[in-house]
Amino acid sequence: MNIALLIIGILIQVIVLIDLFKTIIYINGAGYLSGRASKTIWRLFFWAANGNGESKWLNLCGPVILLFLLFMWVTLIWLGYSLIYISDPNSVLNTATGAPASIISKIYYVGYTLTSLGNGGYSPADGTWQLFSNIVNSMVFIGLAISYLLPILQAVIDKRSLALQIAMLGSTPLEIIQNGYTGKNFNPVYQRFANLESLLITHGERHLAYPILHYFHSNKKLYALSLNLAALDEAMIIQKIYQIDSSENSFHWKILADTLENFYERIDSVVLIKGEEVPPFDYKNNLPKDFPKILLEDPKLEISQFAERRKKVLGYVRKDGWEWEDVIRPST
């Protein structure tokens, strides 16, 4: 028996198992292999798109990463098991002749055993190798990898739905405020805010469970979550600064603002947002003219208190291939 091949095969299986566990089962982040692979592929697509969020190249990145991860896991599992079998010349036998299988035949045997496609003319040697073949045939690792697909696809659909629901409030911070203001109050938006709170909490937790979600990009502003979240967050800060809603229902703004802050903390723990500059805050003169003037002339809070938070929001927007102008410019 070749001990070196046996050890290498076992190590590969252990590494894949840990990566699968951290990526699929563990709730807080991706495994080392899948995390590195995802970031590398995203950088390649980001480079091909010239950092432009409107490029269709970025739309392909998420699906490509997902398929690559499945391919990587299956290939490494296949390789690891193959090396274990190859380490013993007599581990697999030709069913017809009883002769030891060749290296290629053992690789072939592992392939059809993993996929349960039949005996393929080869069988394991008696004893330990029969038991080991039963483990391989159980498809535990392959099943885990494939089970990763469905929740990811559902989470991507929900991500687009969340972006669209925010966009329906308005495509810019000012539009969100203008569309929600009746001339007297903000009653039309309170129920929508409550709905968004639940969706944001759920999506934030999904980003922890499935970091790959960040790489599913939309090149259309309507479905770009990073842009719509930034617009919504700016609207919350406008409320905090200028107190445009001082009614008894104004707590809805605070709850949603706190939910957004929690969401960005979740995102930051997954994709490490780096904010290097504070975006401009120039909304006062463009707010609806029928707001009570006293609320506009004596801001309760200084915008500088939100500098670090707004840096991160801008960092998240740029990490997704957009610029601040895309946040404050109305959709056409």
C-alpha atoms as a PDB file:
ATOM      1  CA  MET A   1       0.000   0.000   0.000  1.00  0.00           C
ATOM      2  CA  ASN A   2       1.171   3.518  -0.864  1.00  0.00           C
ATOM      3  CA  ILE A   3       0.810   5.372   2.453  1.00  0.00           C
ATOM      4  CA  ALA A   4       1.535   8.785   0.899  1.00  0.00           C
ATOM      5  CA  LEU A   5      -1.376   8.494  -1.557  1.00  0.00           C
ATOM      6  CA  LEU A   6      -3.645   7.257   1.232  1.00  0.00           C
ATOM      7  CA  ILE A   7      -2.792  10.227   3.456  1.00  0.00           C
ATOM      8  CA  ILE A   8      -3.200  12.737   0.608  1.00  0.00           C
ATOM      9  CA  GLY A   9      -6.573  11.218  -0.301  1.00  0.00           C
ATOM     10  CA  ILE A  10      -7.785  11.372   3.297  1.00  0.00           C
ATOM     11  CA  LEU A  11      -6.555  14.970   3.669  1.00  0.00           C
ATOM     12  CA  ILE A  12      -8.431  16.020   0.530  1.00  0.00           C
ATOM     13  CA  GLN A  13     -11.619  14.434   1.875  1.00  0.00           C
ATOM     14  CA  VAL A  14     -11.212  16.159   5.241  1.00  0.00           C
ATOM     15  CA  ILE A  15     -10.592  19.543   3.586  1.00  0.00           C
ATOM     16  CA  VAL A  16     -13.659  19.153   1.366  1.00  0.00           C
ATOM     17  CA  LEU A  17     -15.804  18.031   4.302  1.00  0.00           C
ATOM     18  CA  ILE A  18     -14.773  21.088   6.341  1.00  0.00           C
ATOM     19  CA  ASP A  19     -15.408  23.386   3.377  1.00  0.00           C
ATOM     20  CA  LEU A  20     -18.828  21.820   2.761  1.00  0.00           C
ATOM     21  CA  PHE A  21     -19.711  22.083   6.439  1.00  0.00           C
ATOM     22  CA  LYS A  22     -18.695  25.739   6.750  1.00  0.00           C
ATOM     23  CA  THR A  23     -20.360  26.729   3.479  1.00  0.00           C
ATOM     24  CA  ILE A  24     -23.587  24.720   3.592  1.00  0.00           C
ATOM     25  CA  ILE A  25     -24.321  23.893   7.237  1.00  0.00           C
ATOM     26  CA  TYR A  26     -22.462  26.471   9.317  1.00  0.00           C
ATOM     27  CA  ILE A  27     -24.479  29.668   9.716  1.00  0.00           C
ATOM     28  CA  ASN A  28     -21.665  32.207   9.669  1.00  0.00           C
ATOM     29  CA  GLY A  29     -19.695  32.314   6.440  1.00  0.00           C
ATOM     30  CA  ALA A  30     -18.149  30.259   3.670  1.00  0.00           C
ATOM     31  CA  GLY A  31     -15.376  27.697   3.814  1.00  0.00           C
ATOM     32  CA  TYR A  32     -11.831  28.675   2.913  1.00  0.00           C
ATOM     33  CA  LEU A  33     -11.877  27.055  -0.542  1.00  0.00           C
ATOM     34  CA  SER A  34     -15.333  28.253  -1.540  1.00  0.00           C
ATOM     35  CA  GLY A  35     -14.745  31.734  -0.108  1.00  0.00           C
ATOM     36  CA  ARG A  36     -11.450  32.200  -1.969  1.00  0.00           C
ATOM     37  CA  ALA A  37     -12.888  30.793  -5.184  1.00  0.00           C
ATOM     38  CA  SER A  38     -15.939  33.076  -4.999  1.00  0.00           C
ATOM     39  CA  LYS A  39     -13.869  36.216  -4.424  1.00  0.00           C
ATOM     40  CA  THR A  40     -11.439  35.344  -7.219  1.00  0.00           C
ATOM     41  CA  ILE A  41     -14.193  34.700  -9.759  1.00  0.00           C
ATOM     42  CA  TRP A  42     -15.976  37.929  -8.746  1.00  0.00           C
ATOM     43  CA  ARG A  43     -12.769  39.925  -9.235  1.00  0.00           C
ATOM     44  CA  LEU A  44     -12.313  38.414 -12.699  1.00  0.00           C
ATOM     45  CA  PHE A  45     -15.859  39.302 -13.721  1.00  0.00           C
ATOM     46  CA  PHE A  46     -15.548  42.754 -12.120  1.00  0.00           C
ATOM     47  CA  TRP A  47     -12.391  43.313 -14.166  1.00  0.00           C
ATOM     48  CA  ALA A  48     -14.088  42.063 -17.356  1.00  0.00           C
ATOM     49  CA  ALA A  49     -16.992  44.443 -16.677  1.00  0.00           C
ATOM     50  CA  ASN A  50     -14.546  47.306 -16.030  1.00  0.00           C
ATOM     51  CA  GLY A  51     -16.215  47.807 -12.646  1.00  0.00           C
ATOM     52  CA  ASN A  52     -19.456  48.876 -14.305  1.00  0.00           C
ATOM     53  CA  GLY A  53     -22.580  47.773 -12.437  1.00  0.00           C
ATOM     54  CA  GLU A  54     -24.637  48.015 -15.624  1.00  0.00           C
ATOM     55  CA  SER A  55     -22.515  45.398 -17.387  1.00  0.00           C
ATOM     56  CA  LYS A  56     -24.219  42.091 -18.150  1.00  0.00           C
ATOM     57  CA  TRP A  57     -20.944  40.344 -17.315  1.00  0.00           C
ATOM     58  CA  LEU A  58     -21.658  40.824 -13.618  1.00  0.00           C
ATOM     59  CA  ASN A  59     -25.094  39.229 -14.024  1.00  0.00           C
ATOM     60  CA  LEU A  60     -23.346  35.982 -14.969  1.00  0.00           C
ATOM     61  CA  CYS A  61     -20.992  35.965 -12.006  1.00  0.00           C
ATOM     62  CA  GLY A  62     -23.306  34.492  -9.358  1.00  0.00           C
ATOM     63  CA  PRO A  63     -24.454  31.501 -11.446  1.00  0.00           C
ATOM     64  CA  VAL A  64     -20.864  30.848 -12.582  1.00  0.00           C
ATOM     65  CA  ILE A  65     -19.617  30.852  -8.979  1.00  0.00           C
ATOM     66  CA  LEU A  66     -22.400  28.501  -7.889  1.00  0.00           C
ATOM     67  CA  LEU A  67     -21.682  26.029 -10.695  1.00  0.00           C
ATOM     68  CA  PHE A  68     -17.931  26.260 -10.085  1.00  0.00           C
ATOM     69  CA  LEU A  69     -18.352  25.476  -6.383  1.00  0.00           C
ATOM     70  CA  LEU A  70     -20.412  22.391  -7.200  1.00  0.00           C
ATOM     71  CA  PHE A  71     -17.825  21.325  -9.779  1.00  0.00           C
ATOM     72  CA  MET A  72     -14.964  21.959  -7.341  1.00  0.00           C
ATOM     73  CA  TRP A  73     -16.541  19.967  -4.521  1.00  0.00           C
ATOM     74  CA  VAL A  74     -17.497  17.005  -6.718  1.00  0.00           C
ATOM     75  CA  THR A  75     -14.077  16.945  -8.408  1.00  0.00           C
ATOM     76  CA  LEU A  76     -12.174  17.051  -5.108  1.00  0.00           C
ATOM     77  CA  ILE A  77     -14.390  14.366  -3.591  1.00  0.00           C
ATOM     78  CA  TRP A  78     -13.787  12.205  -6.663  1.00  0.00           C
ATOM     79  CA  LEU A  79     -10.035  12.879  -6.528  1.00  0.00           C
ATOM     80  CA  GLY A  80      -9.768  12.152  -2.808  1.00  0.00           C
ATOM     81  CA  TYR A  81     -11.624   8.859  -3.021  1.00  0.00           C
ATOM     82  CA  SER A  82      -9.676   7.862  -6.141  1.00  0.00           C
ATOM     83  CA  LEU A  83      -6.336   8.393  -4.385  1.00  0.00           C
ATOM     84  CA  ILE A  84      -7.502   6.283  -1.451  1.00  0.00           C
ATOM     85  CA  TYR A  85      -8.402   3.401  -3.769  1.00  0.00           C
ATOM     86  CA  ILE A  86      -5.241   3.830  -5.854  1.00  0.00           C
ATOM     87  CA  SER A  87      -3.116   3.590  -2.682  1.00  0.00           C
ATOM     88  CA  ASP A  88      -3.889  -0.157  -2.569  1.00  0.00           C
ATOM     89  CA  PRO A  89      -3.243  -2.097  -5.825  1.00  0.00           C
ATOM     90  CA  ASN A  90      -5.852  -4.719  -4.845  1.00  0.00           C
ATOM     91  CA  SER A  91      -8.627  -2.405  -3.635  1.00  0.00           C
ATOM     92  CA  VAL A  92     -10.770  -2.790  -6.779  1.00  0.00           C
ATOM     93  CA  LEU A  93     -11.089  -5.953  -8.867  1.00  0.00           C
ATOM     94  CA  ASN A  94     -12.339  -6.717 -12.358  1.00  0.00           C
ATOM     95  CA  THR A  95     -15.625  -8.559 -11.817  1.00  0.00           C
ATOM     96  CA  ALA A  96     -15.116 -10.869 -14.811  1.00  0.00           C
ATOM     97  CA  THR A  97     -11.451 -11.829 -14.343  1.00  0.00           C
ATOM     98  CA  GLY A  98     -10.768 -11.078 -10.672  1.00  0.00           C
ATOM     99  CA  ALA A  99      -7.627  -9.154 -11.684  1.00  0.00           C
ATOM    100  CA  PRO A 100      -6.730  -5.872  -9.918  1.00  0.00           C
ATOM    101  CA  ALA A 101      -8.149  -2.817 -11.677  1.00  0.00           C
ATOM    102  CA  SER A 102      -5.856  -0.260 -13.306  1.00  0.00           C
ATOM    103  CA  ILE A 103      -5.535   3.320 -12.041  1.00  0.00           C
ATOM    104  CA  ILE A 104      -7.911   4.611 -14.724  1.00  0.00           C
ATOM    105  CA  SER A 105     -10.380   1.836 -13.919  1.00  0.00           C
ATOM    106  CA  LYS A 106     -10.300   2.776 -10.233  1.00  0.00           C
ATOM    107  CA  ILE A 107     -11.008   6.415 -11.071  1.00  0.00           C
ATOM    108  CA  TYR A 108     -13.878   5.198 -13.249  1.00  0.00           C
ATOM    109  CA  TYR A 109     -15.108   2.941 -10.431  1.00  0.00           C
ATOM    110  CA  VAL A 110     -15.165   5.845  -7.958  1.00  0.00           C
ATOM    111  CA  GLY A 111     -17.061   7.992 -10.465  1.00  0.00           C
ATOM    112  CA  TYR A 112     -19.922   5.577 -11.018  1.00  0.00           C
ATOM    113  CA  THR A 113     -19.979   4.579  -7.326  1.00  0.00           C
ATOM    114  CA  LEU A 114     -20.403   8.222  -6.304  1.00  0.00           C
ATOM    115  CA  THR A 115     -23.301   8.613  -8.715  1.00  0.00           C
ATOM    116  CA  SER A 116     -24.824   5.158  -8.058  1.00  0.00           C
ATOM    117  CA  LEU A 117     -24.929   4.286 -11.761  1.00  0.00           C
ATOM    118  CA  GLY A 118     -24.328   0.540 -11.347  1.00  0.00           C
ATOM    119  CA  ASN A 119     -21.346  -1.762 -10.863  1.00  0.00           C
ATOM    120  CA  GLY A 120     -19.573  -0.897 -14.141  1.00  0.00           C
ATOM    121  CA  GLY A 121     -17.783  -4.253 -14.306  1.00  0.00           C
ATOM    122  CA  TYR A 122     -15.676  -3.626 -11.189  1.00  0.00           C
ATOM    123  CA  SER A 123     -16.167  -4.435  -7.523  1.00  0.00           C
ATOM    124  CA  PRO A 124     -14.305  -3.719  -4.276  1.00  0.00           C
ATOM    125  CA  ALA A 125     -12.049  -6.305  -2.694  1.00  0.00           C
ATOM    126  CA  ASP A 126     -13.500  -8.211   0.250  1.00  0.00           C
ATOM    127  CA  GLY A 127     -13.415  -6.743   3.739  1.00  0.00           C
ATOM    128  CA  THR A 128     -12.488  -3.135   4.430  1.00  0.00           C
ATOM    129  CA  TRP A 129     -12.830  -2.019   0.821  1.00  0.00           C
ATOM    130  CA  GLN A 130     -16.402  -3.304   0.652  1.00  0.00           C
ATOM    131  CA  LEU A 131     -17.311  -1.238   3.708  1.00  0.00           C
ATOM    132  CA  PHE A 132     -15.501   1.778   2.307  1.00  0.00           C
ATOM    133  CA  SER A 133     -17.363   1.421  -1.002  1.00  0.00           C
ATOM    134  CA  ASN A 134     -20.665   1.501   0.886  1.00  0.00           C
ATOM    135  CA  ILE A 135     -19.616   4.842   2.390  1.00  0.00           C
ATOM    136  CA  VAL A 136     -18.689   6.205  -1.032  1.00  0.00           C
ATOM    137  CA  ASN A 137     -21.969   4.933  -2.462  1.00  0.00           C
ATOM    138  CA  SER A 138     -23.981   6.752   0.218  1.00  0.00           C
ATOM    139  CA  MET A 139     -23.511  10.029  -1.725  1.00  0.00           C
ATOM    140  CA  VAL A 140     -23.475  12.069   1.505  1.00  0.00           C
ATOM    141  CA  PHE A 141     -21.009  14.674   0.209  1.00  0.00           C
ATOM    142  CA  ILE A 142     -22.549  14.877  -3.252  1.00  0.00           C
ATOM    143  CA  GLY A 143     -26.012  15.178  -1.734  1.00  0.00           C
ATOM    144  CA  LEU A 144     -24.851  18.038   0.487  1.00  0.00           C
ATOM    145  CA  ALA A 145     -23.353  19.880  -2.463  1.00  0.00           C
ATOM    146  CA  ILE A 146     -26.484  19.523  -4.595  1.00  0.00           C
ATOM    147  CA  SER A 147     -28.754  20.495  -1.680  1.00  0.00           C
ATOM    148  CA  TYR A 148     -26.952  23.859  -1.680  1.00  0.00           C
ATOM    149  CA  LEU A 149     -28.639  24.822  -4.953  1.00  0.00           C
ATOM    150  CA  LEU A 150     -32.301  25.193  -4.034  1.00  0.00           C
ATOM    151  CA  PRO A 151     -32.051  27.518  -1.002  1.00  0.00           C
ATOM    152  CA  ILE A 152     -29.568  29.699  -2.877  1.00  0.00           C
ATOM    153  CA  LEU A 153     -31.887  30.103  -5.864  1.00  0.00           C
ATOM    154  CA  GLN A 154     -34.808  30.944  -3.556  1.00  0.00           C
ATOM    155  CA  ALA A 155     -32.670  33.469  -1.676  1.00  0.00           C
ATOM    156  CA  VAL A 156     -31.667  35.118  -4.977  1.00  0.00           C
ATOM    157  CA  ILE A 157     -35.339  35.470  -5.948  1.00  0.00           C
ATOM    158  CA  ASP A 158     -36.103  36.991  -2.541  1.00  0.00           C
ATOM    159  CA  LYS A 159     -33.144  39.362  -2.916  1.00  0.00           C
ATOM    160  CA  ARG A 160     -34.521  40.704  -6.203  1.00  0.00           C
ATOM    161  CA  SER A 161     -37.987  40.937  -4.663  1.00  0.00           C
ATOM    162  CA  LEU A 162     -36.623  42.964  -1.730  1.00  0.00           C
ATOM    163  CA  ALA A 163     -34.837  45.355  -4.091  1.00  0.00           C
ATOM    164  CA  LEU A 164     -38.022  45.797  -6.129  1.00  0.00           C
ATOM    165  CA  GLN A 165     -40.160  46.497  -3.061  1.00  0.00           C
ATOM    166  CA  ILE A 166     -37.755  49.231  -1.971  1.00  0.00           C
ATOM    167  CA  ALA A 167     -37.656  50.648  -5.508  1.00  0.00           C
ATOM    168  CA  MET A 168     -41.455  50.880  -5.481  1.00  0.00           C
ATOM    169  CA  LEU A 169     -41.141  53.422  -2.660  1.00  0.00           C
ATOM    170  CA  GLY A 170     -38.891  55.552  -4.868  1.00  0.00           C
ATOM    171  CA  SER A 171     -35.699  55.243  -6.866  1.00  0.00           C
ATOM    172  CA  THR A 172     -33.841  57.940  -4.887  1.00  0.00           C
ATOM    173  CA  PRO A 173     -33.845  59.150  -1.263  1.00  0.00           C
ATOM    174  CA  LEU A 174     -35.880  62.221  -2.199  1.00  0.00           C
ATOM    175  CA  GLU A 175     -38.357  60.190  -4.237  1.00  0.00           C
ATOM    176  CA  ILE A 176     -38.981  57.894  -1.267  1.00  0.00           C
ATOM    177  CA  ILE A 177     -39.862  60.930   0.841  1.00  0.00           C
ATOM    178  CA  GLN A 178     -41.834  62.742  -1.840  1.00  0.00           C
ATOM    179  CA  ASN A 179     -43.840  59.650  -2.814  1.00  0.00           C
ATOM    180  CA  GLY A 180     -44.661  58.851   0.806  1.00  0.00           C
ATOM    181  CA  TYR A 181     -45.739  62.364   1.807  1.00  0.00           C
ATOM    182  CA  THR A 182     -49.430  63.148   1.328  1.00  0.00           C
ATOM    183  CA  GLY A 183     -49.075  66.838   2.095  1.00  0.00           C
ATOM    184  CA  LYS A 184     -50.040  66.199   5.698  1.00  0.00           C
ATOM    185  CA  ASN A 185     -48.412  62.964   6.817  1.00  0.00           C
ATOM    186  CA  PHE A 186     -46.570  59.783   5.816  1.00  0.00           C
ATOM    187  CA  ASN A 187     -49.364  57.306   6.550  1.00  0.00           C
ATOM    188  CA  PRO A 188     -49.044  55.482   3.172  1.00  0.00           C
ATOM    189  CA  VAL A 189     -45.513  54.224   3.932  1.00  0.00           C
ATOM    190  CA  TYR A 190     -45.816  52.921   7.475  1.00  0.00           C
ATOM    191  CA  GLN A 191     -47.139  49.489   6.522  1.00  0.00           C
ATOM    192  CA  ARG A 192     -44.525  49.203   3.781  1.00  0.00           C
ATOM    193  CA  PHE A 193     -41.807  50.060   6.292  1.00  0.00           C
ATOM    194  CA  ALA A 194     -43.074  47.316   8.613  1.00  0.00           C
ATOM    195  CA  ASN A 195     -42.960  44.780   5.775  1.00  0.00           C
ATOM    196  CA  LEU A 196     -39.428  45.809   4.843  1.00  0.00           C
ATOM    197  CA  GLU A 197     -38.215  45.353   8.421  1.00  0.00           C
ATOM    198  CA  SER A 198     -39.055  41.654   8.331  1.00  0.00           C
ATOM    199  CA  LEU A 199     -37.596  41.169   4.852  1.00  0.00           C
ATOM    200  CA  LEU A 200     -34.349  42.936   5.763  1.00  0.00           C
ATOM    201  CA  ILE A 201     -33.849  40.851   8.897  1.00  0.00           C
ATOM    202  CA  THR A 202     -34.406  37.648   6.929  1.00  0.00           C
ATOM    203  CA  HIS A 203     -32.122  38.697   4.079  1.00  0.00           C
ATOM    204  CA  GLY A 204     -29.391  39.799   6.476  1.00  0.00           C
ATOM    205  CA  GLU A 205     -29.357  36.364   8.097  1.00  0.00           C
ATOM    206  CA  ARG A 206     -29.313  34.727   4.668  1.00  0.00           C
ATOM    207  CA  HIS A 207     -26.198  36.698   3.782  1.00  0.00           C
ATOM    208  CA  LEU A 208     -24.528  35.140   6.802  1.00  0.00           C
ATOM    209  CA  ALA A 209     -25.691  31.661   5.844  1.00  0.00           C
ATOM    210  CA  TYR A 210     -25.020  32.060   2.101  1.00  0.00           C
ATOM    211  CA  PRO A 211     -22.235  34.605   1.435  1.00  0.00           C
ATOM    212  CA  ILE A 212     -22.459  33.705  -2.266  1.00  0.00           C
ATOM    213  CA  LEU A 213     -25.643  35.835  -2.365  1.00  0.00           C
ATOM    214  CA  HIS A 214     -23.473  38.937  -2.603  1.00  0.00           C
ATOM    215  CA  TYR A 215     -22.206  37.810  -6.005  1.00  0.00           C
ATOM    216  CA  PHE A 216     -25.649  37.519  -7.586  1.00  0.00           C
ATOM    217  CA  HIS A 217     -25.754  40.893  -9.295  1.00  0.00           C
ATOM    218  CA  SER A 218     -28.413  42.745 -11.263  1.00  0.00           C
ATOM    219  CA  ASN A 219     -27.338  45.276 -13.876  1.00  0.00           C
ATOM    220  CA  LYS A 220     -30.740  46.987 -13.712  1.00  0.00           C
ATOM    221  CA  LYS A 221     -31.193  49.617 -11.027  1.00  0.00           C
ATOM    222  CA  LEU A 222     -34.708  48.417 -10.270  1.00  0.00           C
ATOM    223  CA  TYR A 223     -33.355  45.079  -8.993  1.00  0.00           C
ATOM    224  CA  ALA A 224     -29.971  46.265  -7.667  1.00  0.00           C
ATOM    225  CA  LEU A 225     -30.251  45.767  -3.917  1.00  0.00           C
ATOM    226  CA  SER A 226     -27.138  47.783  -3.061  1.00  0.00           C
ATOM    227  CA  LEU A 227     -28.543  50.894  -4.766  1.00  0.00           C
ATOM    228  CA  ASN A 228     -32.058  50.603  -3.390  1.00  0.00           C
ATOM    229  CA  LEU A 229     -30.797  49.949   0.127  1.00  0.00           C
ATOM    230  CA  ALA A 230     -28.562  53.020  -0.082  1.00  0.00           C
ATOM    231  CA  ALA A 231     -31.503  55.184  -1.201  1.00  0.00           C
ATOM    232  CA  LEU A 232     -33.664  53.860   1.629  1.00  0.00           C
ATOM    233  CA  ASP A 233     -30.905  54.388   4.188  1.00  0.00           C
ATOM    234  CA  GLU A 234     -30.424  57.979   3.043  1.00  0.00           C
ATOM    235  CA  ALA A 235     -34.161  58.594   3.448  1.00  0.00           C
ATOM    236  CA  MET A 236     -33.908  57.299   7.029  1.00  0.00           C
ATOM    237  CA  ILE A 237     -31.013  59.668   7.740  1.00  0.00           C
ATOM    238  CA  ILE A 238     -32.925  62.607   6.227  1.00  0.00           C
ATOM    239  CA  GLN A 239     -35.703  61.852   8.726  1.00  0.00           C
ATOM    240  CA  LYS A 240     -33.205  61.720  11.597  1.00  0.00           C
ATOM    241  CA  ILE A 241     -31.519  64.975  10.591  1.00  0.00           C
ATOM    242  CA  TYR A 242     -34.521  67.105   9.646  1.00  0.00           C
ATOM    243  CA  GLN A 243     -37.314  65.355  11.581  1.00  0.00           C
ATOM    244  CA  ILE A 244     -39.600  65.585   8.560  1.00  0.00           C
ATOM    245  CA  ASP A 245     -42.075  63.274  10.297  1.00  0.00           C
ATOM    246  CA  SER A 246     -42.791  64.301  13.894  1.00  0.00           C
ATOM    247  CA  SER A 247     -46.088  62.455  14.169  1.00  0.00           C
ATOM    248  CA  GLU A 248     -46.872  59.727  16.694  1.00  0.00           C
ATOM    249  CA  ASN A 249     -46.060  57.184  13.966  1.00  0.00           C
ATOM    250  CA  SER A 250     -42.523  58.440  13.407  1.00  0.00           C
ATOM    251  CA  PHE A 251     -41.183  55.433  15.329  1.00  0.00           C
ATOM    252  CA  HIS A 252     -41.629  53.440  12.095  1.00  0.00           C
ATOM    253  CA  TRP A 253     -38.701  55.401  10.644  1.00  0.00           C
ATOM    254  CA  LYS A 254     -36.493  54.640  13.636  1.00  0.00           C
ATOM    255  CA  ILE A 255     -37.252  50.917  13.624  1.00  0.00           C
ATOM    256  CA  LEU A 256     -36.505  50.634   9.907  1.00  0.00           C
ATOM    257  CA  ALA A 257     -33.321  52.706  10.309  1.00  0.00           C
ATOM    258  CA  ASP A 258     -32.122  50.386  13.090  1.00  0.00           C
ATOM    259  CA  THR A 259     -32.974  47.358  10.943  1.00  0.00           C
ATOM    260  CA  LEU A 260     -30.931  48.796   8.079  1.00  0.00           C
ATOM    261  CA  GLU A 261     -27.985  49.409  10.389  1.00  0.00           C
ATOM    262  CA  ASN A 262     -28.154  45.799  11.557  1.00  0.00           C
ATOM    263  CA  PHE A 263     -28.345  44.641   7.931  1.00  0.00           C
ATOM    264  CA  TYR A 264     -25.185  46.540   6.980  1.00  0.00           C
ATOM    265  CA  GLU A 265     -23.394  45.021   9.971  1.00  0.00           C
ATOM    266  CA  ARG A 266     -24.334  41.587   8.646  1.00  0.00           C
ATOM    267  CA  ILE A 267     -23.101  42.486   5.160  1.00  0.00           C
ATOM    268  CA  ASP A 268     -19.872  43.931   6.552  1.00  0.00           C
ATOM    269  CA  SER A 269     -19.128  40.720   8.446  1.00  0.00           C
ATOM    270  CA  VAL A 270     -19.428  38.748   5.191  1.00  0.00           C
ATOM    271  CA  VAL A 271     -17.914  40.935   2.454  1.00  0.00           C
ATOM    272  CA  LEU A 272     -15.813  43.372   4.540  1.00  0.00           C
ATOM    273  CA  ILE A 273     -17.043  46.724   3.264  1.00  0.00           C
ATOM    274  CA  LYS A 274     -14.352  49.405   3.113  1.00  0.00           C
ATOM    275  CA  GLY A 275     -15.556  53.000   3.158  1.00  0.00           C
ATOM    276  CA  GLU A 276     -12.982  55.619   2.208  1.00  0.00           C
ATOM    277  CA  GLU A 277     -15.051  58.758   1.680  1.00  0.00           C
ATOM    278  CA  VAL A 278     -18.303  60.265   2.866  1.00  0.00           C
ATOM    279  CA  PRO A 279     -20.857  60.836   0.077  1.00  0.00           C
ATOM    280  CA  PRO A 280     -22.440  64.301  -0.237  1.00  0.00           C
ATOM    281  CA  PHE A 281     -25.583  65.062   1.765  1.00  0.00           C
ATOM    282  CA  ASP A 282     -27.420  67.752  -0.185  1.00  0.00           C
ATOM    283  CA  TYR A 283     -31.148  67.231   0.191  1.00  0.00           C
ATOM    284  CA  LYS A 284     -32.517  70.111   2.273  1.00  0.00           C
ATOM    285  CA  ASN A 285     -33.354  72.475  -0.579  1.00  0.00           C
ATOM    286  CA  ASN A 286     -35.075  69.724  -2.538  1.00  0.00           C
ATOM    287  CA  LEU A 287     -37.418  68.498   0.178  1.00  0.00           C
ATOM    288  CA  PRO A 288     -41.158  69.138  -0.368  1.00  0.00           C
ATOM    289  CA  LYS A 289     -41.832  72.848   0.147  1.00  0.00           C
ATOM    290  CA  ASP A 290     -44.883  72.282   2.328  1.00  0.00           C
ATOM    291  CA  PHE A 291     -42.914  70.711   5.171  1.00  0.00           C
ATOM    292  CA  PRO A 292     -43.097  72.862   8.323  1.00  0.00           C
ATOM    293  CA  LYS A 293     -40.155  75.243   7.960  1.00  0.00           C
ATOM    294  CA  ILE A 294     -39.158  75.021  11.598  1.00  0.00           C
ATOM    295  CA  LEU A 295     -38.311  71.360  11.111  1.00  0.00           C
ATOM    296  CA  LEU A 296     -35.924  72.208   8.303  1.00  0.00           C
ATOM    297  CA  GLU A 297     -34.147  75.179   9.833  1.00  0.00           C
ATOM    298  CA  ASP A 298     -32.953  73.612  13.067  1.00  0.00           C
ATOM    299  CA  PRO A 299     -31.664  70.079  12.420  1.00  0.00           C
ATOM    300  CA  LYS A 300     -31.710  67.942  15.526  1.00  0.00           C
ATOM    301  CA  LEU A 301     -28.589  65.980  14.619  1.00  0.00           C
ATOM    302  CA  GLU A 302     -25.389  66.733  12.762  1.00  0.00           C
ATOM    303  CA  ILE A 303     -24.769  64.730   9.581  1.00  0.00           C
ATOM    304  CA  SER A 304     -21.183  64.100  10.706  1.00  0.00           C
ATOM    305  CA  GLN A 305     -22.560  61.618  13.255  1.00  0.00           C
ATOM    306  CA  PHE A 306     -23.493  59.357  10.357  1.00  0.00           C
ATOM    307  CA  ALA A 307     -20.177  59.685   8.504  1.00  0.00           C
ATOM    308  CA  GLU A 308     -18.851  56.176   9.208  1.00  0.00           C
ATOM    309  CA  ARG A 309     -22.149  54.531   8.399  1.00  0.00           C
ATOM    310  CA  ARG A 310     -22.490  56.436   5.121  1.00  0.00           C
ATOM    311  CA  LYS A 311     -18.897  55.546   4.201  1.00  0.00           C
ATOM    312  CA  LYS A 312     -19.795  51.879   4.475  1.00  0.00           C
ATOM    313  CA  VAL A 313     -22.973  52.329   2.461  1.00  0.00           C
ATOM    314  CA  LEU A 314     -20.968  53.987  -0.324  1.00  0.00           C
ATOM    315  CA  GLY A 315     -18.381  51.205  -0.056  1.00  0.00           C
ATOM    316  CA  TYR A 316     -21.109  48.584  -0.492  1.00  0.00           C
ATOM    317  CA  VAL A 317     -22.491  50.442  -3.514  1.00  0.00           C
ATOM    318  CA  ARG A 318     -19.058  50.616  -5.160  1.00  0.00           C
ATOM    319  CA  LYS A 319     -18.277  47.003  -4.323  1.00  0.00           C
ATOM    320  CA  ASP A 320     -21.317  46.136  -6.420  1.00  0.00           C
ATOM    321  CA  GLY A 321     -20.086  48.167  -9.401  1.00  0.00           C
ATOM    322  CA  TRP A 322     -22.119  51.359  -8.907  1.00  0.00           C
ATOM    323  CA  GLU A 323     -21.403  54.959  -7.902  1.00  0.00           C
ATOM    324  CA  TRP A 324     -23.174  57.389  -5.567  1.00  0.00           C
ATOM    325  CA  GLU A 325     -24.600  59.218  -8.557  1.00  0.00           C
ATOM    326  CA  ASP A 326     -26.614  56.068  -9.289  1.00  0.00           C
ATOM    327  CA  VAL A 327     -28.170  56.318  -5.812  1.00  0.00           C
ATOM    328  CA  ILE A 328     -29.338  59.923  -6.077  1.00  0.00           C
ATOM    329  CA  ARG A 329     -30.131  60.018  -9.817  1.00  0.00           C
ATOM    330  CA  PRO A 330     -33.779  59.141 -10.631  1.00  0.00           C
ATOM    331  CA  SER A 331     -34.373  56.097 -12.817  1.00  0.00           C
ATOM    332  CA  THR A 332     -35.262  56.852 -16.417  1.00  0.00           C
END
